[in-house]
Amino acid sequence: EAIFKRQAPNTKMLSFEITSDPQWLTGNRKSKNNDNMILVRSGM
C-alpha cells in the first residue's frame, strides 16, 4: 500500500491475495567456529 501511496497519497488497499506458491532463494556463510551455516540473505 505504501508503494502506491507514494504515487497517490489517498490510495487505500481494499484486498490482497497471494495466488501462487512462493519461490525462495537463500544464501549463507560458514560459521567461523564450526561447520554450521549461518543464514545471511533470503528472498521470496
All heavy atoms as atom14 arrays in JSON, in Angstrom:
{
  "sequence": "EAIFKRQAPNTKMLSFEITSDPQWLTGNRKSKNNDNMILVRSGM",
  "atom14_mask": [
    [1, 1, 1, 1, 1, 1, 1, 1, 1, 0, 0, 0, 0, 0],
    [1, 1, 1, 1, 1, 0, 0, 0, 0, 0, 0, 0, 0, 0],
    [1, 1, 1, 1, 1, 1, 1, 1, 0, 0, 0, 0, 0, 0],
    [1, 1, 1, 1, 1, 1, 1, 1, 1, 1, 1, 0, 0, 0],
    [1, 1, 1, 1, 1, 1, 1, 1, 1, 0, 0, 0, 0, 0],
    [1, 1, 1, 1, 1, 1, 1, 1, 1, 1, 1, 0, 0, 0],
    [1, 1, 1, 1, 1, 1, 1, 1, 1, 0, 0, 0, 0, 0],
    [1, 1, 1, 1, 1, 0, 0, 0, 0, 0, 0, 0, 0, 0],
    [1, 1, 1, 1, 1, 1, 1, 0, 0, 0, 0, 0, 0, 0],
    [1, 1, 1, 1, 1, 1, 1, 1, 0, 0, 0, 0, 0, 0],
    [1, 1, 1, 1, 1, 1, 1, 0, 0, 0, 0, 0, 0, 0],
    [1, 1, 1, 1, 1, 1, 1, 1, 1, 0, 0, 0, 0, 0],
    [1, 1, 1, 1, 1, 1, 1, 1, 0, 0, 0, 0, 0, 0],
    [1, 1, 1, 1, 1, 1, 1, 1, 0, 0, 0, 0, 0, 0],
    [1, 1, 1, 1, 1, 1, 0, 0, 0, 0, 0, 0, 0, 0],
    [1, 1, 1, 1, 1, 1, 1, 1, 1, 1, 1, 0, 0, 0],
    [1, 1, 1, 1, 1, 1, 1, 1, 1, 0, 0, 0, 0, 0],
    [1, 1, 1, 1, 1, 1, 1, 1, 0, 0, 0, 0, 0, 0],
    [1, 1, 1, 1, 1, 1, 1, 0, 0, 0, 0, 0, 0, 0],
    [1, 1, 1, 1, 1, 1, 0, 0, 0, 0, 0, 0, 0, 0],
    [1, 1, 1, 1, 1, 1, 1, 1, 0, 0, 0, 0, 0, 0],
    [1, 1, 1, 1, 1, 1, 1, 0, 0, 0, 0, 0, 0, 0],
    [1, 1, 1, 1, 1, 1, 1, 1, 1, 0, 0, 0, 0, 0],
    [1, 1, 1, 1, 1, 1, 1, 1, 1, 1, 1, 1, 1, 1],
    [1, 1, 1, 1, 1, 1, 1, 1, 0, 0, 0, 0, 0, 0],
    [1, 1, 1, 1, 1, 1, 1, 0, 0, 0, 0, 0, 0, 0],
    [1, 1, 1, 1, 0, 0, 0, 0, 0, 0, 0, 0, 0, 0],
    [1, 1, 1, 1, 1, 1, 1, 1, 0, 0, 0, 0, 0, 0],
    [1, 1, 1, 1, 1, 1, 1, 1, 1, 1, 1, 0, 0, 0],
    [1, 1, 1, 1, 1, 1, 1, 1, 1, 0, 0, 0, 0, 0],
    [1, 1, 1, 1, 1, 1, 0, 0, 0, 0, 0, 0, 0, 0],
    [1, 1, 1, 1, 1, 1, 1, 1, 1, 0, 0, 0, 0, 0],
    [1, 1, 1, 1, 1, 1, 1, 1, 0, 0, 0, 0, 0, 0],
    [1, 1, 1, 1, 1, 1, 1, 1, 0, 0, 0, 0, 0, 0],
    [1, 1, 1, 1, 1, 1, 1, 1, 0, 0, 0, 0, 0, 0],
    [1, 1, 1, 1, 1, 1, 1, 1, 0, 0, 0, 0, 0, 0],
    [1, 1, 1, 1, 1, 1, 1, 1, 0, 0, 0, 0, 0, 0],
    [1, 1, 1, 1, 1, 1, 1, 1, 0, 0, 0, 0, 0, 0],
    [1, 1, 1, 1, 1, 1, 1, 1, 0, 0, 0, 0, 0, 0],
    [1, 1, 1, 1, 1, 1, 1, 0, 0, 0, 0, 0, 0, 0],
    [1, 1, 1, 1, 1, 1, 1, 1, 1, 1, 1, 0, 0, 0],
    [1, 1, 1, 1, 1, 1, 0, 0, 0, 0, 0, 0, 0, 0],
    [1, 1, 1, 1, 0, 0, 0, 0, 0, 0, 0, 0, 0, 0],
    [1, 1, 1, 1, 1, 1, 1, 1, 0, 0, 0, 0, 0, 0]
  ],
  "atom14_positions": [
    [[0.84, -1.2, 0.0], [0.0, 0.0, 0.0], [0.87, 1.26, 0.0], [0.6, 2.23, -0.72], [-0.93, 0.0, 1.21], [-1.9, 1.16, 1.21], [-2.86, 1.1, 2.39], [-2.39, 1.08, 3.55], [-4.08, 1.08, 2.14], [0.0, 0.0, 0.0], [0.0, 0.0, 0.0], [0.0, 0.0, 0.0], [0.0, 0.0, 0.0], [0.0, 0.0, 0.0]],
    [[1.95, 1.25, 0.77], [2.84, 2.41, 0.84], [3.5, 2.71, -0.5], [3.72, 3.88, -0.85], [3.91, 2.19, 1.92], [0.0, 0.0, 0.0], [0.0, 0.0, 0.0], [0.0, 0.0, 0.0], [0.0, 0.0, 0.0], [0.0, 0.0, 0.0], [0.0, 0.0, 0.0], [0.0, 0.0, 0.0], [0.0, 0.0, 0.0], [0.0, 0.0, 0.0]],
    [[3.83, 1.67, -1.26], [4.41, 1.86, -2.6], [3.48, 2.72, -3.45], [3.91, 3.66, -4.12], [4.68, 0.5, -3.28], [5.84, -0.21, -2.59], [4.94, 0.68, -4.77], [6.01, -1.68, -3.02], [0.0, 0.0, 0.0], [0.0, 0.0, 0.0], [0.0, 0.0, 0.0], [0.0, 0.0, 0.0], [0.0, 0.0, 0.0], [0.0, 0.0, 0.0]],
    [[2.2, 2.4, -3.41], [1.23, 3.13, -4.24], [0.85, 4.48, -3.63], [0.53, 5.42, -4.35], [0.01, 2.25, -4.52], [0.36, 1.11, -5.43], [0.7, -0.13, -4.91], [0.41, 1.29, -6.8], [1.07, -1.18, -5.74], [0.78, 0.25, -7.64], [1.11, -0.98, -7.12], [0.0, 0.0, 0.0], [0.0, 0.0, 0.0], [0.0, 0.0, 0.0]],
    [[0.9, 4.6, -2.3], [0.63, 5.89, -1.66], [1.7, 6.92, -2.01], [1.42, 8.11, -2.01], [0.53, 5.73, -0.15], [-0.8, 5.2, 0.3], [-0.9, 5.21, 1.81], [-2.29, 4.79, 2.2], [-2.86, 5.64, 3.22], [0.0, 0.0, 0.0], [0.0, 0.0, 0.0], [0.0, 0.0, 0.0], [0.0, 0.0, 0.0], [0.0, 0.0, 0.0]],
    [[2.91, 6.47, -2.28], [3.96, 7.4, -2.69], [3.6, 8.06, -4.03], [3.99, 9.18, -4.31], [5.31, 6.7, -2.79], [5.93, 6.42, -1.44], [7.39, 6.01, -1.53], [7.61, 4.74, -2.17], [7.71, 3.57, -1.54], [7.61, 3.51, -0.23], [7.93, 2.46, -2.21], [0.0, 0.0, 0.0], [0.0, 0.0, 0.0], [0.0, 0.0, 0.0]],
    [[2.84, 7.34, -4.85], [2.42, 7.87, -6.15], [1.14, 8.69, -6.03], [0.97, 9.68, -6.74], [2.22, 6.73, -7.14], [3.48, 5.95, -7.42], [3.19, 4.71, -8.25], [2.21, 4.64, -8.98], [4.07, 3.72, -8.14], [0.0, 0.0, 0.0], [0.0, 0.0, 0.0], [0.0, 0.0, 0.0], [0.0, 0.0, 0.0], [0.0, 0.0, 0.0]],
    [[0.23, 8.24, -5.15], [-1.05, 8.93, -4.95], [-1.42, 8.78, -3.47], [-1.88, 7.71, -3.06], [-2.13, 8.34, -5.85], [0.0, 0.0, 0.0], [0.0, 0.0, 0.0], [0.0, 0.0, 0.0], [0.0, 0.0, 0.0], [0.0, 0.0, 0.0], [0.0, 0.0, 0.0], [0.0, 0.0, 0.0], [0.0, 0.0, 0.0], [0.0, 0.0, 0.0]],
    [[-1.21, 9.81, -2.68], [-1.34, 9.71, -1.23], [-2.69, 9.23, -0.7], [-2.76, 8.68, 0.38], [-1.06, 11.14, -0.75], [-0.21, 11.72, -1.81], [-0.71, 11.11, -3.09], [0.0, 0.0, 0.0], [0.0, 0.0, 0.0], [0.0, 0.0, 0.0], [0.0, 0.0, 0.0], [0.0, 0.0, 0.0], [0.0, 0.0, 0.0], [0.0, 0.0, 0.0]],
    [[-3.76, 9.4, -1.45], [-5.07, 8.98, -0.95], [-5.43, 7.55, -1.36], [-6.58, 7.14, -1.23], [-6.16, 9.97, -1.36], [-6.3, 10.06, -2.87], [-5.43, 9.65, -3.61], [-7.41, 10.62, -3.32], [0.0, 0.0, 0.0], [0.0, 0.0, 0.0], [0.0, 0.0, 0.0], [0.0, 0.0, 0.0], [0.0, 0.0, 0.0], [0.0, 0.0, 0.0]],
    [[-4.47, 6.76, -1.8], [-4.71, 5.37, -2.19], [-4.96, 4.51, -0.95], [-4.29, 4.66, 0.07], [-3.49, 4.83, -2.96], [-3.33, 5.62, -4.15], [-3.67, 3.37, -3.34], [0.0, 0.0, 0.0], [0.0, 0.0, 0.0], [0.0, 0.0, 0.0], [0.0, 0.0, 0.0], [0.0, 0.0, 0.0], [0.0, 0.0, 0.0], [0.0, 0.0, 0.0]],
    [[-5.9, 3.6, -1.08], [-6.22, 2.67, 0.0], [-6.31, 1.26, -0.58], [-6.95, 1.05, -1.6], [-7.55, 3.05, 0.65], [-7.95, 2.12, 1.77], [-9.26, 2.52, 2.38], [-9.64, 1.53, 3.46], [-10.96, 1.81, 4.01], [0.0, 0.0, 0.0], [0.0, 0.0, 0.0], [0.0, 0.0, 0.0], [0.0, 0.0, 0.0], [0.0, 0.0, 0.0]],
    [[-5.66, 0.3, 0.08], [-5.75, -1.09, -0.35], [-7.04, -1.69, 0.18], [-7.35, -1.57, 1.37], [-4.55, -1.9, 0.13], [-4.57, -3.32, -0.43], [-3.1, -4.27, -0.04], [-1.89, -3.4, -1.01], [0.0, 0.0, 0.0], [0.0, 0.0, 0.0], [0.0, 0.0, 0.0], [0.0, 0.0, 0.0], [0.0, 0.0, 0.0], [0.0, 0.0, 0.0]],
    [[-7.79, -2.33, -0.71], [-9.06, -2.95, -0.33], [-8.93, -4.45, -0.13], [-9.62, -5.04, 0.71], [-10.11, -2.68, -1.4], [-10.4, -1.22, -1.72], [-11.38, -1.11, -2.87], [-10.91, -0.5, -0.48], [0.0, 0.0, 0.0], [0.0, 0.0, 0.0], [0.0, 0.0, 0.0], [0.0, 0.0, 0.0], [0.0, 0.0, 0.0], [0.0, 0.0, 0.0]],
    [[-8.06, -5.09, -0.94], [-7.89, -6.54, -0.83], [-6.5, -6.92, -1.32], [-5.88, -6.2, -2.1], [-8.95, -7.29, -1.65], [-8.77, -7.05, -3.03], [0.0, 0.0, 0.0], [0.0, 0.0, 0.0], [0.0, 0.0, 0.0], [0.0, 0.0, 0.0], [0.0, 0.0, 0.0], [0.0, 0.0, 0.0], [0.0, 0.0, 0.0], [0.0, 0.0, 0.0]],
    [[-6.03, -8.07, -0.83], [-4.72, -8.58, -1.24], [-4.74, -10.09, -1.12], [-5.13, -10.63, -0.09], [-3.6, -8.01, -0.35], [-2.24, -8.33, -0.87], [-1.61, -7.48, -1.76], [-1.6, -9.5, -0.49], [-0.35, -7.78, -2.26], [-0.35, -9.81, -0.99], [0.28, -8.95, -1.87], [0.0, 0.0, 0.0], [0.0, 0.0, 0.0], [0.0, 0.0, 0.0]],
    [[-4.3, -10.78, -2.19], [-4.3, -12.25, -2.2], [-3.04, -12.75, -2.89], [-2.71, -12.33, -4.0], [-5.52, -12.78, -2.96], [-5.53, -14.28, -3.09], [-6.7, -14.8, -3.91], [-7.28, -14.02, -4.7], [-7.02, -16.0, -3.77], [0.0, 0.0, 0.0], [0.0, 0.0, 0.0], [0.0, 0.0, 0.0], [0.0, 0.0, 0.0], [0.0, 0.0, 0.0]],
    [[-2.34, -13.67, -2.23], [-1.22, -14.38, -2.86], [-1.84, -15.51, -3.69], [-2.65, -16.29, -3.18], [-0.26, -14.95, -1.81], [0.4, -13.83, -1.02], [0.78, -15.86, -2.46], [1.34, -12.95, -1.81], [0.0, 0.0, 0.0], [0.0, 0.0, 0.0], [0.0, 0.0, 0.0], [0.0, 0.0, 0.0], [0.0, 0.0, 0.0], [0.0, 0.0, 0.0]],
    [[-1.47, -15.58, -4.97], [-2.13, -16.53, -5.89], [-1.22, -17.67, -6.34], [-1.68, -18.52, -7.1], [-2.66, -15.78, -7.12], [-1.59, -15.1, -7.76], [-3.76, -14.8, -6.72], [0.0, 0.0, 0.0], [0.0, 0.0, 0.0], [0.0, 0.0, 0.0], [0.0, 0.0, 0.0], [0.0, 0.0, 0.0], [0.0, 0.0, 0.0], [0.0, 0.0, 0.0]],
    [[0.03, -17.7, -5.91], [0.92, -18.8, -6.28], [1.69, -19.26, -5.06], [1.81, -18.52, -4.08], [1.92, -18.37, -7.37], [2.88, -17.48, -6.82], [0.0, 0.0, 0.0], [0.0, 0.0, 0.0], [0.0, 0.0, 0.0], [0.0, 0.0, 0.0], [0.0, 0.0, 0.0], [0.0, 0.0, 0.0], [0.0, 0.0, 0.0], [0.0, 0.0, 0.0]],
    [[2.23, -20.45, -5.16], [3.17, -20.88, -4.13], [4.4, -19.99, -4.26], [4.79, -19.6, -5.37], [3.55, -22.34, -4.31], [2.4, -23.29, -4.0], [1.58, -22.94, -3.13], [2.33, -24.36, -4.61], [0.0, 0.0, 0.0], [0.0, 0.0, 0.0], [0.0, 0.0, 0.0], [0.0, 0.0, 0.0], [0.0, 0.0, 0.0], [0.0, 0.0, 0.0]],
    [[5.04, -19.67, -3.14], [6.22, -18.8, -3.22], [7.43, -19.55, -3.77], [7.55, -20.77, -3.63], [6.45, -18.41, -1.76], [5.9, -19.55, -0.98], [4.71, -20.04, -1.77], [0.0, 0.0, 0.0], [0.0, 0.0, 0.0], [0.0, 0.0, 0.0], [0.0, 0.0, 0.0], [0.0, 0.0, 0.0], [0.0, 0.0, 0.0], [0.0, 0.0, 0.0]],
    [[8.31, -18.79, -4.39], [9.62, -19.31, -4.79], [10.65, -18.63, -3.89], [10.59, -17.42, -3.69], [9.9, -19.0, -6.26], [8.96, -19.74, -7.19], [9.27, -19.5, -8.66], [10.18, -18.75, -9.02], [8.49, -20.13, -9.51], [0.0, 0.0, 0.0], [0.0, 0.0, 0.0], [0.0, 0.0, 0.0], [0.0, 0.0, 0.0], [0.0, 0.0, 0.0]],
    [[11.57, -19.43, -3.35], [12.54, -18.94, -2.38], [13.96, -19.15, -2.85], [14.27, -20.15, -3.52], [12.4, -19.71, -1.06], [11.23, -19.28, -0.24], [9.97, -19.79, -0.28], [11.21, -18.27, 0.76], [9.16, -19.15, 0.62], [9.91, -18.21, 1.28], [12.17, -17.39, 1.26], [9.53, -17.32, 2.27], [11.82, -16.51, 2.26], [10.5, -16.47, 2.75]],
    [[14.83, -18.24, -2.5], [16.27, -18.4, -2.62], [16.89, -17.93, -1.3], [16.39, -16.99, -0.68], [16.85, -17.56, -3.76], [16.5, -17.98, -5.18], [17.07, -16.99, -6.19], [17.01, -19.39, -5.48], [0.0, 0.0, 0.0], [0.0, 0.0, 0.0], [0.0, 0.0, 0.0], [0.0, 0.0, 0.0], [0.0, 0.0, 0.0], [0.0, 0.0, 0.0]],
    [[17.93, -18.62, -0.86], [18.62, -18.23, 0.36], [20.13, -18.25, 0.12], [20.61, -18.89, -0.8], [18.29, -19.17, 1.54], [18.66, -20.5, 1.18], [16.82, -19.13, 1.89], [0.0, 0.0, 0.0], [0.0, 0.0, 0.0], [0.0, 0.0, 0.0], [0.0, 0.0, 0.0], [0.0, 0.0, 0.0], [0.0, 0.0, 0.0], [0.0, 0.0, 0.0]],
    [[20.83, -17.55, 0.95], [22.29, -17.54, 0.92], [22.82, -17.6, 2.33], [22.22, -17.06, 3.26], [0.0, 0.0, 0.0], [0.0, 0.0, 0.0], [0.0, 0.0, 0.0], [0.0, 0.0, 0.0], [0.0, 0.0, 0.0], [0.0, 0.0, 0.0], [0.0, 0.0, 0.0], [0.0, 0.0, 0.0], [0.0, 0.0, 0.0], [0.0, 0.0, 0.0]],
    [[23.93, -18.29, 2.5], [24.5, -18.42, 3.84], [26.02, -18.34, 3.79], [26.61, -18.29, 2.72], [24.04, -19.72, 4.49], [24.31, -20.93, 3.61], [25.37, -21.05, 3.02], [23.34, -21.81, 3.51], [0.0, 0.0, 0.0], [0.0, 0.0, 0.0], [0.0, 0.0, 0.0], [0.0, 0.0, 0.0], [0.0, 0.0, 0.0], [0.0, 0.0, 0.0]],
    [[26.59, -18.31, 4.97], [28.05, -18.35, 5.09], [28.39, -19.36, 6.17], [27.59, -19.66, 7.04], [28.62, -16.98, 5.39], [28.26, -16.42, 6.73], [29.01, -15.11, 7.03], [28.53, -14.5, 8.24], [28.85, -14.88, 9.47], [29.67, -15.89, 9.65], [28.34, -14.25, 10.52], [0.0, 0.0, 0.0], [0.0, 0.0, 0.0], [0.0, 0.0, 0.0]],
    [[29.6, -19.83, 6.1], [30.06, -20.81, 7.08], [30.42, -20.1, 8.38], [31.03, -19.02, 8.37], [31.29, -21.53, 6.52], [31.65, -22.77, 7.24], [32.74, -23.51, 6.48], [33.01, -24.83, 7.14], [33.96, -25.63, 6.37], [0.0, 0.0, 0.0], [0.0, 0.0, 0.0], [0.0, 0.0, 0.0], [0.0, 0.0, 0.0], [0.0, 0.0, 0.0]],
    [[30.04, -20.69, 9.48], [30.37, -20.15, 10.79], [31.88, -20.23, 11.01], [32.54, -21.18, 10.57], [29.64, -20.93, 11.87], [30.09, -20.55, 13.15], [0.0, 0.0, 0.0], [0.0, 0.0, 0.0], [0.0, 0.0, 0.0], [0.0, 0.0, 0.0], [0.0, 0.0, 0.0], [0.0, 0.0, 0.0], [0.0, 0.0, 0.0], [0.0, 0.0, 0.0]],
    [[32.45, -19.25, 11.7], [33.89, -19.25, 11.98], [34.27, -20.3, 13.01], [35.4, -20.77, 13.03], [34.32, -17.87, 12.49], [34.2, -16.78, 11.44], [34.57, -15.44, 12.02], [34.36, -14.35, 10.97], [34.61, -13.02, 11.52], [0.0, 0.0, 0.0], [0.0, 0.0, 0.0], [0.0, 0.0, 0.0], [0.0, 0.0, 0.0], [0.0, 0.0, 0.0]],
    [[33.33, -20.66, 13.88], [33.64, -21.56, 14.99], [33.41, -23.04, 14.71], [33.92, -23.89, 15.42], [32.83, -21.17, 16.22], [33.13, -19.75, 16.65], [34.26, -19.28, 16.49], [32.14, -19.06, 17.18], [0.0, 0.0, 0.0], [0.0, 0.0, 0.0], [0.0, 0.0, 0.0], [0.0, 0.0, 0.0], [0.0, 0.0, 0.0], [0.0, 0.0, 0.0]],
    [[32.61, -23.36, 13.71], [32.33, -24.77, 13.42], [31.86, -24.9, 11.97], [31.98, -23.96, 11.19], [31.28, -25.32, 14.4], [30.02, -24.48, 14.43], [29.56, -24.01, 13.41], [29.47, -24.29, 15.63], [0.0, 0.0, 0.0], [0.0, 0.0, 0.0], [0.0, 0.0, 0.0], [0.0, 0.0, 0.0], [0.0, 0.0, 0.0], [0.0, 0.0, 0.0]],
    [[31.33, -26.04, 11.63], [30.89, -26.28, 10.26], [29.43, -25.88, 10.0], [28.88, -26.2, 8.96], [31.06, -27.77, 9.92], [32.53, -28.14, 9.77], [33.34, -27.24, 9.49], [32.85, -29.33, 9.92], [0.0, 0.0, 0.0], [0.0, 0.0, 0.0], [0.0, 0.0, 0.0], [0.0, 0.0, 0.0], [0.0, 0.0, 0.0], [0.0, 0.0, 0.0]],
    [[28.82, -25.19, 10.96], [27.44, -24.75, 10.76], [27.38, -23.63, 9.72], [28.34, -22.9, 9.51], [26.85, -24.24, 12.08], [26.64, -25.36, 13.07], [26.52, -26.52, 12.71], [26.59, -25.0, 14.34], [0.0, 0.0, 0.0], [0.0, 0.0, 0.0], [0.0, 0.0, 0.0], [0.0, 0.0, 0.0], [0.0, 0.0, 0.0], [0.0, 0.0, 0.0]],
    [[26.21, -23.51, 9.12], [25.97, -22.44, 8.16], [25.07, -21.39, 8.82], [24.18, -21.71, 9.59], [25.29, -22.99, 6.9], [26.11, -24.07, 6.18], [27.77, -23.56, 5.75], [27.46, -22.58, 4.33], [0.0, 0.0, 0.0], [0.0, 0.0, 0.0], [0.0, 0.0, 0.0], [0.0, 0.0, 0.0], [0.0, 0.0, 0.0], [0.0, 0.0, 0.0]],
    [[25.33, -20.13, 8.5], [24.56, -19.01, 9.04], [23.82, -18.34, 7.89], [24.44, -17.93, 6.91], [25.48, -18.0, 9.75], [26.18, -18.68, 10.93], [24.7, -16.78, 10.19], [27.27, -17.83, 11.56], [0.0, 0.0, 0.0], [0.0, 0.0, 0.0], [0.0, 0.0, 0.0], [0.0, 0.0, 0.0], [0.0, 0.0, 0.0], [0.0, 0.0, 0.0]],
    [[22.51, -18.22, 8.04], [21.69, -17.56, 7.03], [22.04, -16.07, 6.99], [22.02, -15.4, 8.02], [20.21, -17.72, 7.35], [19.24, -17.07, 6.37], [19.22, -17.83, 5.05], [17.85, -17.0, 6.97], [0.0, 0.0, 0.0], [0.0, 0.0, 0.0], [0.0, 0.0, 0.0], [0.0, 0.0, 0.0], [0.0, 0.0, 0.0], [0.0, 0.0, 0.0]],
    [[22.38, -15.56, 5.82], [22.72, -14.14, 5.7], [21.79, -13.39, 4.75], [21.7, -12.18, 4.8], [24.19, -13.93, 5.27], [25.13, -14.42, 6.36], [24.48, -14.6, 3.95], [0.0, 0.0, 0.0], [0.0, 0.0, 0.0], [0.0, 0.0, 0.0], [0.0, 0.0, 0.0], [0.0, 0.0, 0.0], [0.0, 0.0, 0.0], [0.0, 0.0, 0.0]],
    [[21.11, -14.1, 3.85], [20.21, -13.44, 2.91], [19.14, -14.44, 2.47], [19.36, -15.64, 2.46], [20.94, -12.88, 1.71], [21.65, -13.89, 0.86], [22.46, -13.27, -0.28], [23.6, -12.56, 0.23], [23.74, -11.23, 0.22], [22.84, -10.46, -0.33], [24.8, -10.65, 0.71], [0.0, 0.0, 0.0], [0.0, 0.0, 0.0], [0.0, 0.0, 0.0]],
    [[18.0, -13.89, 2.11], [16.91, -14.72, 1.63], [15.96, -13.86, 0.8], [15.89, -12.64, 1.0], [16.14, -15.34, 2.8], [15.14, -16.21, 2.33], [0.0, 0.0, 0.0], [0.0, 0.0, 0.0], [0.0, 0.0, 0.0], [0.0, 0.0, 0.0], [0.0, 0.0, 0.0], [0.0, 0.0, 0.0], [0.0, 0.0, 0.0], [0.0, 0.0, 0.0]],
    [[15.27, -14.49, -0.1], [14.3, -13.77, -0.9], [13.15, -14.67, -1.32], [13.33, -15.88, -1.51], [0.0, 0.0, 0.0], [0.0, 0.0, 0.0], [0.0, 0.0, 0.0], [0.0, 0.0, 0.0], [0.0, 0.0, 0.0], [0.0, 0.0, 0.0], [0.0, 0.0, 0.0], [0.0, 0.0, 0.0], [0.0, 0.0, 0.0], [0.0, 0.0, 0.0]],
    [[11.98, -14.08, -1.44], [10.76, -14.79, -1.79], [10.04, -14.02, -2.89], [10.01, -12.79, -2.87], [9.87, -14.89, -0.55], [8.55, -15.62, -0.73], [7.14, -14.69, -1.42], [6.96, -13.32, -0.33], [0.0, 0.0, 0.0], [0.0, 0.0, 0.0], [0.0, 0.0, 0.0], [0.0, 0.0, 0.0], [0.0, 0.0, 0.0], [0.0, 0.0, 0.0]]
  ]
}
